[in-house]
PDB file of all heavy atoms in Angstrom:
ATOM      1  N   THR A   1      27.681 -15.058   3.242  1.00  0.00           N
ATOM      2  CA  THR A   1      26.432 -15.805   3.237  1.00  0.00           C
ATOM      3  C   THR A   1      25.524 -15.312   4.347  1.00  0.00           C
ATOM      4  O   THR A   1      25.886 -15.351   5.511  1.00  0.00           O
ATOM      5  CB  THR A   1      26.693 -17.319   3.420  1.00  0.00           C
ATOM      6  OG1 THR A   1      27.566 -17.762   2.393  1.00  0.00           O
ATOM      7  CG2 THR A   1      25.397 -18.102   3.358  1.00  0.00           C
ATOM      8  N   ASN A   2      24.364 -14.827   3.968  1.00  0.00           N
ATOM      9  CA  ASN A   2      23.370 -14.346   4.913  1.00  0.00           C
ATOM     10  C   ASN A   2      22.000 -14.774   4.436  1.00  0.00           C
ATOM     11  O   ASN A   2      21.766 -14.933   3.245  1.00  0.00           O
ATOM     12  CB  ASN A   2      23.383 -12.818   5.003  1.00  0.00           C
ATOM     13  CG  ASN A   2      24.688 -12.305   5.545  1.00  0.00           C
ATOM     14  OD1 ASN A   2      25.032 -12.567   6.677  1.00  0.00           O
ATOM     15  ND2 ASN A   2      25.413 -11.561   4.725  1.00  0.00           N
ATOM     16  N   LYS A   3      21.086 -14.921   5.366  1.00  0.00           N
ATOM     17  CA  LYS A   3      19.706 -15.228   5.015  1.00  0.00           C
ATOM     18  C   LYS A   3      18.822 -14.168   5.638  1.00  0.00           C
ATOM     19  O   LYS A   3      18.863 -13.944   6.840  1.00  0.00           O
ATOM     20  CB  LYS A   3      19.320 -16.610   5.513  1.00  0.00           C
ATOM     21  CG  LYS A   3      17.932 -17.054   5.037  1.00  0.00           C
ATOM     22  CD  LYS A   3      17.580 -18.428   5.554  1.00  0.00           C
ATOM     23  CE  LYS A   3      18.038 -19.482   4.573  1.00  0.00           C
ATOM     24  NZ  LYS A   3      17.518 -20.823   4.927  1.00  0.00           N
ATOM     25  N   LEU A   4      18.049 -13.486   4.789  1.00  0.00           N
ATOM     26  CA  LEU A   4      17.073 -12.508   5.251  1.00  0.00           C
ATOM     27  C   LEU A   4      15.712 -13.186   5.296  1.00  0.00           C
ATOM     28  O   LEU A   4      15.357 -13.945   4.392  1.00  0.00           O
ATOM     29  CB  LEU A   4      16.987 -11.319   4.303  1.00  0.00           C
ATOM     30  CG  LEU A   4      18.218 -10.443   4.144  1.00  0.00           C
ATOM     31  CD1 LEU A   4      17.927  -9.328   3.146  1.00  0.00           C
ATOM     32  CD2 LEU A   4      18.618  -9.852   5.473  1.00  0.00           C
ATOM     33  N   TYR A   5      14.965 -12.885   6.343  1.00  0.00           N
ATOM     34  CA  TYR A   5      13.608 -13.394   6.473  1.00  0.00           C
ATOM     35  C   TYR A   5      12.625 -12.248   6.300  1.00  0.00           C
ATOM     36  O   TYR A   5      12.891 -11.130   6.735  1.00  0.00           O
ATOM     37  CB  TYR A   5      13.408 -14.058   7.833  1.00  0.00           C
ATOM     38  CG  TYR A   5      14.191 -15.337   7.973  1.00  0.00           C
ATOM     39  CD1 TYR A   5      15.391 -15.367   8.660  1.00  0.00           C
ATOM     40  CD2 TYR A   5      13.723 -16.510   7.387  1.00  0.00           C
ATOM     41  CE1 TYR A   5      16.113 -16.540   8.771  1.00  0.00           C
ATOM     42  CE2 TYR A   5      14.447 -17.691   7.498  1.00  0.00           C
ATOM     43  CZ  TYR A   5      15.640 -17.698   8.194  1.00  0.00           C
ATOM     44  OH  TYR A   5      16.359 -18.862   8.298  1.00  0.00           O
ATOM     45  N   PHE A   6      11.513 -12.546   5.675  1.00  0.00           N
ATOM     46  CA  PHE A   6      10.488 -11.549   5.388  1.00  0.00           C
ATOM     47  C   PHE A   6       9.166 -12.009   5.988  1.00  0.00           C
ATOM     48  O   PHE A   6       8.858 -13.198   5.981  1.00  0.00           O
ATOM     49  CB  PHE A   6      10.311 -11.374   3.875  1.00  0.00           C
ATOM     50  CG  PHE A   6      11.501 -10.771   3.199  1.00  0.00           C
ATOM     51  CD1 PHE A   6      12.640 -11.521   2.952  1.00  0.00           C
ATOM     52  CD2 PHE A   6      11.491  -9.446   2.808  1.00  0.00           C
ATOM     53  CE1 PHE A   6      13.747 -10.968   2.330  1.00  0.00           C
ATOM     54  CE2 PHE A   6      12.595  -8.878   2.184  1.00  0.00           C
ATOM     55  CZ  PHE A   6      13.726  -9.643   1.954  1.00  0.00           C
ATOM     56  N   THR A   7       8.401 -11.050   6.483  1.00  0.00           N
ATOM     57  CA  THR A   7       7.073 -11.341   6.995  1.00  0.00           C
ATOM     58  C   THR A   7       6.049 -10.924   5.966  1.00  0.00           C
ATOM     59  O   THR A   7       6.134  -9.839   5.396  1.00  0.00           O
ATOM     60  CB  THR A   7       6.824 -10.592   8.320  1.00  0.00           C
ATOM     61  OG1 THR A   7       7.808 -11.026   9.268  1.00  0.00           O
ATOM     62  CG2 THR A   7       5.443 -10.895   8.868  1.00  0.00           C
ATOM     63  N   ASN A   8       5.086 -11.801   5.748  1.00  0.00           N
ATOM     64  CA  ASN A   8       4.041 -11.561   4.762  1.00  0.00           C
ATOM     65  C   ASN A   8       2.814 -10.990   5.458  1.00  0.00           C
ATOM     66  O   ASN A   8       2.115 -11.694   6.157  1.00  0.00           O
ATOM     67  CB  ASN A   8       3.707 -12.875   4.060  1.00  0.00           C
ATOM     68  CG  ASN A   8       2.608 -12.729   3.044  1.00  0.00           C
ATOM     69  OD1 ASN A   8       2.090 -11.641   2.832  1.00  0.00           O
ATOM     70  ND2 ASN A   8       2.244 -13.809   2.418  1.00  0.00           N
ATOM     71  N   TYR A   9       2.563  -9.710   5.257  1.00  0.00           N
ATOM     72  CA  TYR A   9       1.396  -9.076   5.833  1.00  0.00           C
ATOM     73  C   TYR A   9       0.249  -8.925   4.840  1.00  0.00           C
ATOM     74  O   TYR A   9      -0.792  -8.402   5.168  1.00  0.00           O
ATOM     75  CB  TYR A   9       1.749  -7.697   6.399  1.00  0.00           C
ATOM     76  CG  TYR A   9       2.580  -7.814   7.645  1.00  0.00           C
ATOM     77  CD1 TYR A   9       3.923  -7.481   7.632  1.00  0.00           C
ATOM     78  CD2 TYR A   9       2.029  -8.278   8.816  1.00  0.00           C
ATOM     79  CE1 TYR A   9       4.693  -7.602   8.766  1.00  0.00           C
ATOM     80  CE2 TYR A   9       2.792  -8.400   9.963  1.00  0.00           C
ATOM     81  CZ  TYR A   9       4.120  -8.066   9.933  1.00  0.00           C
ATOM     82  OH  TYR A   9       4.873  -8.196  11.060  1.00  0.00           O
ATOM     83  N   LYS A  10       0.478  -9.358   3.620  1.00  0.00           N
ATOM     84  CA  LYS A  10      -0.564  -9.191   2.617  1.00  0.00           C
ATOM     85  C   LYS A  10      -1.511 -10.380   2.571  1.00  0.00           C
ATOM     86  O   LYS A  10      -2.441 -10.394   1.809  1.00  0.00           O
ATOM     87  CB  LYS A  10       0.051  -8.928   1.250  1.00  0.00           C
ATOM     88  CG  LYS A  10       1.171  -9.852   0.897  1.00  0.00           C
ATOM     89  CD  LYS A  10       1.846  -9.460  -0.372  1.00  0.00           C
ATOM     90  CE  LYS A  10       2.843 -10.556  -0.681  1.00  0.00           C
ATOM     91  NZ  LYS A  10       3.321 -10.565  -1.970  1.00  0.00           N
ATOM     92  N   GLU A  11      -1.243 -11.365   3.406  1.00  0.00           N
ATOM     93  CA  GLU A  11      -2.116 -12.521   3.586  1.00  0.00           C
ATOM     94  C   GLU A  11      -2.437 -13.231   2.280  1.00  0.00           C
ATOM     95  O   GLU A  11      -3.589 -13.450   1.937  1.00  0.00           O
ATOM     96  CB  GLU A  11      -3.391 -12.119   4.319  1.00  0.00           C
ATOM     97  CG  GLU A  11      -3.105 -11.591   5.708  1.00  0.00           C
ATOM     98  CD  GLU A  11      -4.358 -11.358   6.513  1.00  0.00           C
ATOM     99  OE1 GLU A  11      -5.400 -11.964   6.213  1.00  0.00           O
ATOM    100  OE2 GLU A  11      -4.275 -10.566   7.463  1.00  0.00           O
ATOM    101  N   ILE A  12      -1.406 -13.577   1.557  1.00  0.00           N
ATOM    102  CA  ILE A  12      -1.586 -14.384   0.353  1.00  0.00           C
ATOM    103  C   ILE A  12      -1.900 -15.801   0.816  1.00  0.00           C
ATOM    104  O   ILE A  12      -1.127 -16.419   1.531  1.00  0.00           O
ATOM    105  CB  ILE A  12      -0.326 -14.370  -0.534  1.00  0.00           C
ATOM    106  CG1 ILE A  12      -0.072 -12.969  -1.048  1.00  0.00           C
ATOM    107  CG2 ILE A  12      -0.468 -15.357  -1.675  1.00  0.00           C
ATOM    108  CD1 ILE A  12       1.184 -12.846  -1.871  1.00  0.00           C
ATOM    109  N   GLU A  13      -3.026 -16.305   0.422  1.00  0.00           N
ATOM    110  CA  GLU A  13      -3.484 -17.594   0.909  1.00  0.00           C
ATOM    111  C   GLU A  13      -2.656 -18.759   0.384  1.00  0.00           C
ATOM    112  O   GLU A  13      -2.621 -19.808   1.000  1.00  0.00           O
ATOM    113  CB  GLU A  13      -4.954 -17.788   0.545  1.00  0.00           C
ATOM    114  CG  GLU A  13      -5.857 -16.806   1.269  1.00  0.00           C
ATOM    115  CD  GLU A  13      -7.305 -16.944   0.849  1.00  0.00           C
ATOM    116  OE1 GLU A  13      -7.631 -17.876   0.100  1.00  0.00           O
ATOM    117  OE2 GLU A  13      -8.097 -16.094   1.277  1.00  0.00           O
ATOM    118  N   ASP A  14      -1.997 -18.601  -0.746  1.00  0.00           N
ATOM    119  CA  ASP A  14      -1.296 -19.736  -1.331  1.00  0.00           C
ATOM    120  C   ASP A  14       0.157 -19.870  -0.879  1.00  0.00           C
ATOM    121  O   ASP A  14       0.873 -20.733  -1.342  1.00  0.00           O
ATOM    122  CB  ASP A  14      -1.374 -19.692  -2.851  1.00  0.00           C
ATOM    123  CG  ASP A  14      -0.653 -18.506  -3.464  1.00  0.00           C
ATOM    124  OD1 ASP A  14      -0.340 -17.555  -2.736  1.00  0.00           O
ATOM    125  OD2 ASP A  14      -0.417 -18.531  -4.678  1.00  0.00           O
ATOM    126  N   ILE A  15       0.597 -19.032   0.045  1.00  0.00           N
ATOM    127  CA  ILE A  15       1.959 -19.129   0.559  1.00  0.00           C
ATOM    128  C   ILE A  15       1.878 -19.461   2.043  1.00  0.00           C
ATOM    129  O   ILE A  15       1.398 -18.659   2.832  1.00  0.00           O
ATOM    130  CB  ILE A  15       2.744 -17.823   0.345  1.00  0.00           C
ATOM    131  CG1 ILE A  15       2.827 -17.510  -1.148  1.00  0.00           C
ATOM    132  CG2 ILE A  15       4.147 -17.935   0.949  1.00  0.00           C
ATOM    133  CD1 ILE A  15       3.454 -16.185  -1.466  1.00  0.00           C
ATOM    134  N   GLY A  16       2.358 -20.655   2.399  1.00  0.00           N
ATOM    135  CA  GLY A  16       2.161 -21.101   3.764  1.00  0.00           C
ATOM    136  C   GLY A  16       3.373 -21.112   4.658  1.00  0.00           C
ATOM    137  O   GLY A  16       3.248 -21.266   5.862  1.00  0.00           O
ATOM    138  N   GLY A  17       4.564 -20.925   4.140  1.00  0.00           N
ATOM    139  CA  GLY A  17       5.760 -21.035   4.969  1.00  0.00           C
ATOM    140  C   GLY A  17       6.477 -19.716   5.161  1.00  0.00           C
ATOM    141  O   GLY A  17       5.944 -18.647   4.877  1.00  0.00           O
ATOM    142  N   GLN A  18       7.716 -19.805   5.629  1.00  0.00           N
ATOM    143  CA  GLN A  18       8.548 -18.636   5.903  1.00  0.00           C
ATOM    144  C   GLN A  18       9.255 -18.179   4.630  1.00  0.00           C
ATOM    145  O   GLN A  18       9.998 -18.932   4.010  1.00  0.00           O
ATOM    146  CB  GLN A  18       9.588 -18.980   6.978  1.00  0.00           C
ATOM    147  CG  GLN A  18      10.603 -17.894   7.253  1.00  0.00           C
ATOM    148  CD  GLN A  18       9.973 -16.628   7.809  1.00  0.00           C
ATOM    149  OE1 GLN A  18       9.328 -16.662   8.834  1.00  0.00           O
ATOM    150  NE2 GLN A  18      10.165 -15.509   7.130  1.00  0.00           N
ATOM    151  N   LEU A  19       9.039 -16.927   4.245  1.00  0.00           N
ATOM    152  CA  LEU A  19       9.667 -16.339   3.070  1.00  0.00           C
ATOM    153  C   LEU A  19      11.099 -15.933   3.411  1.00  0.00           C
ATOM    154  O   LEU A  19      11.347 -15.330   4.456  1.00  0.00           O
ATOM    155  CB  LEU A  19       8.867 -15.119   2.624  1.00  0.00           C
ATOM    156  CG  LEU A  19       9.326 -14.374   1.377  1.00  0.00           C
ATOM    157  CD1 LEU A  19       9.302 -15.283   0.158  1.00  0.00           C
ATOM    158  CD2 LEU A  19       8.433 -13.167   1.148  1.00  0.00           C
ATOM    159  N   TYR A  20      12.046 -16.279   2.527  1.00  0.00           N
ATOM    160  CA  TYR A  20      13.451 -15.975   2.787  1.00  0.00           C
ATOM    161  C   TYR A  20      14.186 -15.580   1.518  1.00  0.00           C
ATOM    162  O   TYR A  20      13.736 -15.839   0.402  1.00  0.00           O
ATOM    163  CB  TYR A  20      14.158 -17.191   3.414  1.00  0.00           C
ATOM    164  CG  TYR A  20      14.356 -18.324   2.436  1.00  0.00           C
ATOM    165  CD1 TYR A  20      15.509 -18.414   1.663  1.00  0.00           C
ATOM    166  CD2 TYR A  20      13.377 -19.295   2.258  1.00  0.00           C
ATOM    167  CE1 TYR A  20      15.678 -19.437   0.749  1.00  0.00           C
ATOM    168  CE2 TYR A  20      13.542 -20.316   1.351  1.00  0.00           C
ATOM    169  CZ  TYR A  20      14.691 -20.376   0.605  1.00  0.00           C
ATOM    170  OH  TYR A  20      14.862 -21.384  -0.319  1.00  0.00           O
ATOM    171  N   LEU A  21      15.331 -14.960   1.729  1.00  0.00           N
ATOM    172  CA  LEU A  21      16.264 -14.629   0.657  1.00  0.00           C
ATOM    173  C   LEU A  21      17.646 -15.020   1.155  1.00  0.00           C
ATOM    174  O   LEU A  21      18.143 -14.454   2.128  1.00  0.00           O
ATOM    175  CB  LEU A  21      16.217 -13.134   0.330  1.00  0.00           C
ATOM    176  CG  LEU A  21      17.273 -12.599  -0.631  1.00  0.00           C
ATOM    177  CD1 LEU A  21      17.181 -13.298  -1.985  1.00  0.00           C
ATOM    178  CD2 LEU A  21      17.116 -11.105  -0.791  1.00  0.00           C
ATOM    179  N   ASN A  22      18.236 -16.017   0.518  1.00  0.00           N
ATOM    180  CA  ASN A  22      19.561 -16.491   0.892  1.00  0.00           C
ATOM    181  C   ASN A  22      20.585 -15.824  -0.024  1.00  0.00           C
ATOM    182  O   ASN A  22      20.521 -15.978  -1.246  1.00  0.00           O
ATOM    183  CB  ASN A  22      19.627 -18.015   0.758  1.00  0.00           C
ATOM    184  CG  ASN A  22      20.838 -18.593   1.417  1.00  0.00           C
ATOM    185  OD1 ASN A  22      21.159 -18.246   2.551  1.00  0.00           O
ATOM    186  ND2 ASN A  22      21.527 -19.479   0.721  1.00  0.00           N
ATOM    187  N   ILE A  23      21.509 -15.072   0.560  1.00  0.00           N
ATOM    188  CA  ILE A  23      22.493 -14.310  -0.209  1.00  0.00           C
ATOM    189  C   ILE A  23      23.857 -14.976  -0.074  1.00  0.00           C
ATOM    190  O   ILE A  23      24.377 -15.107   1.028  1.00  0.00           O
ATOM    191  CB  ILE A  23      22.569 -12.855   0.292  1.00  0.00           C
ATOM    192  CG1 ILE A  23      21.194 -12.200   0.237  1.00  0.00           C
ATOM    193  CG2 ILE A  23      23.603 -12.066  -0.515  1.00  0.00           C
ATOM    194  CD1 ILE A  23      21.119 -10.862   0.946  1.00  0.00           C
ATOM    195  N   GLU A  24      24.437 -15.379  -1.204  1.00  0.00           N
ATOM    196  CA  GLU A  24      25.731 -16.053  -1.199  1.00  0.00           C
ATOM    197  C   GLU A  24      26.763 -15.305  -2.027  1.00  0.00           C
ATOM    198  O   GLU A  24      27.694 -15.897  -2.560  1.00  0.00           O
ATOM    199  CB  GLU A  24      25.567 -17.479  -1.717  1.00  0.00           C
ATOM    200  CG  GLU A  24      24.657 -18.314  -0.844  1.00  0.00           C
ATOM    201  CD  GLU A  24      24.592 -19.758  -1.278  1.00  0.00           C
ATOM    202  OE1 GLU A  24      25.542 -20.239  -1.929  1.00  0.00           O
ATOM    203  OE2 GLU A  24      23.596 -20.405  -0.973  1.00  0.00           O
ATOM    204  N   THR A  25      26.585 -14.015  -2.142  1.00  0.00           N
ATOM    205  CA  THR A  25      27.448 -13.184  -2.962  1.00  0.00           C
ATOM    206  C   THR A  25      27.491 -11.799  -2.335  1.00  0.00           C
ATOM    207  O   THR A  25      26.890 -11.556  -1.305  1.00  0.00           O
ATOM    208  CB  THR A  25      26.889 -13.111  -4.405  1.00  0.00           C
ATOM    209  OG1 THR A  25      27.788 -12.395  -5.231  1.00  0.00           O
ATOM    210  CG2 THR A  25      25.533 -12.447  -4.432  1.00  0.00           C
ATOM    211  N   LYS A  26      28.171 -10.889  -2.986  1.00  0.00           N
ATOM    212  CA  LYS A  26      28.187  -9.517  -2.486  1.00  0.00           C
ATOM    213  C   LYS A  26      26.849  -8.841  -2.754  1.00  0.00           C
ATOM    214  O   LYS A  26      26.175  -9.142  -3.738  1.00  0.00           O
ATOM    215  CB  LYS A  26      29.305  -8.711  -3.154  1.00  0.00           C
ATOM    216  CG  LYS A  26      30.677  -9.079  -2.668  1.00  0.00           C
ATOM    217  CD  LYS A  26      31.686  -8.128  -3.276  1.00  0.00           C
ATOM    218  CE  LYS A  26      33.096  -8.447  -2.851  1.00  0.00           C
ATOM    219  NZ  LYS A  26      34.049  -7.522  -3.489  1.00  0.00           N
ATOM    220  N   TRP A  27      26.502  -7.938  -1.876  1.00  0.00           N
ATOM    221  CA  TRP A  27      25.280  -7.167  -2.001  1.00  0.00           C
ATOM    222  C   TRP A  27      25.557  -5.777  -1.467  1.00  0.00           C
ATOM    223  O   TRP A  27      26.560  -5.537  -0.805  1.00  0.00           O
ATOM    224  CB  TRP A  27      24.128  -7.830  -1.248  1.00  0.00           C
ATOM    225  CG  TRP A  27      24.353  -7.926   0.235  1.00  0.00           C
ATOM    226  CD1 TRP A  27      25.062  -8.890   0.894  1.00  0.00           C
ATOM    227  CD2 TRP A  27      23.911  -7.011   1.236  1.00  0.00           C
ATOM    228  NE1 TRP A  27      25.076  -8.639   2.239  1.00  0.00           N
ATOM    229  CE2 TRP A  27      24.375  -7.487   2.479  1.00  0.00           C
ATOM    230  CE3 TRP A  27      23.162  -5.835   1.196  1.00  0.00           C
ATOM    231  CZ2 TRP A  27      24.118  -6.825   3.669  1.00  0.00           C
ATOM    232  CZ3 TRP A  27      22.899  -5.185   2.389  1.00  0.00           C
ATOM    233  CH2 TRP A  27      23.374  -5.685   3.603  1.00  0.00           C
ATOM    234  N   CYS A  28      24.656  -4.871  -1.769  1.00  0.00           N
ATOM    235  CA  CYS A  28      24.804  -3.522  -1.224  1.00  0.00           C
ATOM    236  C   CYS A  28      23.432  -2.903  -1.056  1.00  0.00           C
ATOM    237  O   CYS A  28      22.436  -3.388  -1.585  1.00  0.00           O
ATOM    238  CB  CYS A  28      25.713  -2.653  -2.092  1.00  0.00           C
ATOM    239  SG  CYS A  28      25.256  -2.529  -3.817  1.00  0.00           S
ATOM    240  N   LEU A  29      23.423  -1.842  -0.297  1.00  0.00           N
ATOM    241  CA  LEU A  29      22.192  -1.121  -0.011  1.00  0.00           C
ATOM    242  C   LEU A  29      22.350   0.294  -0.527  1.00  0.00           C
ATOM    243  O   LEU A  29      23.288   0.995  -0.158  1.00  0.00           O
ATOM    244  CB  LEU A  29      21.937  -1.121   1.501  1.00  0.00           C
ATOM    245  CG  LEU A  29      20.653  -0.459   1.977  1.00  0.00           C
ATOM    246  CD1 LEU A  29      19.437  -1.214   1.451  1.00  0.00           C
ATOM    247  CD2 LEU A  29      20.635  -0.420   3.504  1.00  0.00           C
ATOM    248  N   PHE A  30      21.442   0.700  -1.415  1.00  0.00           N
ATOM    249  CA  PHE A  30      21.458   2.050  -1.958  1.00  0.00           C
ATOM    250  C   PHE A  30      20.363   2.862  -1.291  1.00  0.00           C
ATOM    251  O   PHE A  30      19.211   2.419  -1.224  1.00  0.00           O
ATOM    252  CB  PHE A  30      21.217   2.040  -3.474  1.00  0.00           C
ATOM    253  CG  PHE A  30      22.345   1.441  -4.266  1.00  0.00           C
ATOM    254  CD1 PHE A  30      22.251   0.159  -4.778  1.00  0.00           C
ATOM    255  CD2 PHE A  30      23.503   2.166  -4.488  1.00  0.00           C
ATOM    256  CE1 PHE A  30      23.280  -0.390  -5.510  1.00  0.00           C
ATOM    257  CE2 PHE A  30      24.549   1.628  -5.224  1.00  0.00           C
ATOM    258  CZ  PHE A  30      24.438   0.345  -5.730  1.00  0.00           C
ATOM    259  N   GLU A  31      20.717   4.054  -0.826  1.00  0.00           N
ATOM    260  CA  GLU A  31      19.724   4.942  -0.227  1.00  0.00           C
ATOM    261  C   GLU A  31      18.796   5.504  -1.301  1.00  0.00           C
ATOM    262  O   GLU A  31      17.605   5.686  -1.083  1.00  0.00           O
ATOM    263  CB  GLU A  31      20.416   6.074   0.532  1.00  0.00           C
ATOM    264  CG  GLU A  31      19.472   6.900   1.351  1.00  0.00           C
ATOM    265  CD  GLU A  31      20.186   7.860   2.278  1.00  0.00           C
ATOM    266  OE1 GLU A  31      21.392   7.694   2.539  1.00  0.00           O
ATOM    267  OE2 GLU A  31      19.519   8.799   2.741  1.00  0.00           O
ATOM    268  N   ASN A  32      19.361   5.766  -2.471  1.00  0.00           N
ATOM    269  CA  ASN A  32      18.604   6.219  -3.634  1.00  0.00           C
ATOM    270  C   ASN A  32      19.038   5.360  -4.818  1.00  0.00           C
ATOM    271  O   ASN A  32      20.187   4.923  -4.881  1.00  0.00           O
ATOM    272  CB  ASN A  32      18.895   7.690  -3.946  1.00  0.00           C
ATOM    273  CG  ASN A  32      18.500   8.597  -2.802  1.00  0.00           C
ATOM    274  OD1 ASN A  32      17.352   8.635  -2.404  1.00  0.00           O
ATOM    275  ND2 ASN A  32      19.478   9.308  -2.242  1.00  0.00           N
ATOM    276  N   SER A  33      18.147   5.151  -5.757  1.00  0.00           N
ATOM    277  CA  SER A  33      18.505   4.347  -6.923  1.00  0.00           C
ATOM    278  C   SER A  33      19.607   5.033  -7.713  1.00  0.00           C
ATOM    279  O   SER A  33      19.460   6.198  -8.093  1.00  0.00           O
ATOM    280  CB  SER A  33      17.291   4.138  -7.826  1.00  0.00           C
ATOM    281  OG  SER A  33      16.308   3.406  -7.164  1.00  0.00           O
ATOM    282  N   PRO A  34      20.704   4.335  -7.977  1.00  0.00           N
ATOM    283  CA  PRO A  34      21.786   4.941  -8.758  1.00  0.00           C
ATOM    284  C   PRO A  34      21.423   4.985 -10.240  1.00  0.00           C
ATOM    285  O   PRO A  34      20.489   4.312 -10.685  1.00  0.00           O
ATOM    286  CB  PRO A  34      22.959   3.992  -8.521  1.00  0.00           C
ATOM    287  CG  PRO A  34      22.315   2.677  -8.261  1.00  0.00           C
ATOM    288  CD  PRO A  34      21.027   2.977  -7.552  1.00  0.00           C
ATOM    289  N   ILE A  35      22.162   5.755 -10.987  1.00  0.00           N
ATOM    290  CA  ILE A  35      21.960   5.812 -12.440  1.00  0.00           C
ATOM    291  C   ILE A  35      22.298   4.457 -13.049  1.00  0.00           C
ATOM    292  O   ILE A  35      21.623   3.968 -13.938  1.00  0.00           O
ATOM    293  CB  ILE A  35      22.825   6.930 -13.065  1.00  0.00           C
ATOM    294  CG1 ILE A  35      22.330   8.287 -12.570  1.00  0.00           C
ATOM    295  CG2 ILE A  35      22.802   6.855 -14.590  1.00  0.00           C
ATOM    296  CD1 ILE A  35      23.217   9.449 -12.923  1.00  0.00           C
ATOM    297  N   GLU A  36      23.357   3.843 -12.529  1.00  0.00           N
ATOM    298  CA  GLU A  36      23.787   2.542 -13.025  1.00  0.00           C
ATOM    299  C   GLU A  36      24.115   1.635 -11.842  1.00  0.00           C
ATOM    300  O   GLU A  36      24.830   2.040 -10.921  1.00  0.00           O
ATOM    301  CB  GLU A  36      25.028   2.719 -13.917  1.00  0.00           C
ATOM    302  CG  GLU A  36      25.420   1.491 -14.667  1.00  0.00           C
ATOM    303  CD  GLU A  36      26.526   1.777 -15.665  1.00  0.00           C
ATOM    304  OE1 GLU A  36      26.397   2.750 -16.436  1.00  0.00           O
ATOM    305  OE2 GLU A  36      27.525   1.034 -15.653  1.00  0.00           O
ATOM    306  N   TYR A  37      23.616   0.412 -11.878  1.00  0.00           N
ATOM    307  CA  TYR A  37      23.897  -0.565 -10.827  1.00  0.00           C
ATOM    308  C   TYR A  37      25.197  -1.303 -11.134  1.00  0.00           C
ATOM    309  O   TYR A  37      25.632  -1.338 -12.293  1.00  0.00           O
ATOM    310  CB  TYR A  37      22.740  -1.563 -10.710  1.00  0.00           C
ATOM    311  CG  TYR A  37      21.526  -0.973 -10.046  1.00  0.00           C
ATOM    312  CD1 TYR A  37      20.470  -0.487 -10.809  1.00  0.00           C
ATOM    313  CD2 TYR A  37      21.441  -0.875  -8.660  1.00  0.00           C
ATOM    314  CE1 TYR A  37      19.348   0.062 -10.206  1.00  0.00           C
ATOM    315  CE2 TYR A  37      20.330  -0.319  -8.054  1.00  0.00           C
ATOM    316  CZ  TYR A  37      19.285   0.140  -8.827  1.00  0.00           C
ATOM    317  OH  TYR A  37      18.186   0.696  -8.227  1.00  0.00           O
ATOM    318  N   PRO A  38      25.817  -1.918 -10.135  1.00  0.00           N
ATOM    319  CA  PRO A  38      27.040  -2.686 -10.385  1.00  0.00           C
ATOM    320  C   PRO A  38      26.790  -3.798 -11.406  1.00  0.00           C
ATOM    321  O   PRO A  38      25.694  -4.366 -11.465  1.00  0.00           O
ATOM    322  CB  PRO A  38      27.377  -3.282  -9.008  1.00  0.00           C
ATOM    323  CG  PRO A  38      26.683  -2.399  -8.022  1.00  0.00           C
ATOM    324  CD  PRO A  38      25.451  -1.913  -8.716  1.00  0.00           C
TER     325      PRO A  38
END
């Protein structure tokens, strides 16, 4: 379980709070897009 926070630099007026992604499963980071994802 991890929570990633994102900063909004595009100044969308209709989003007023902290943007987040809460991950409760396995994840991975690909340097290049694979032919097939898990």
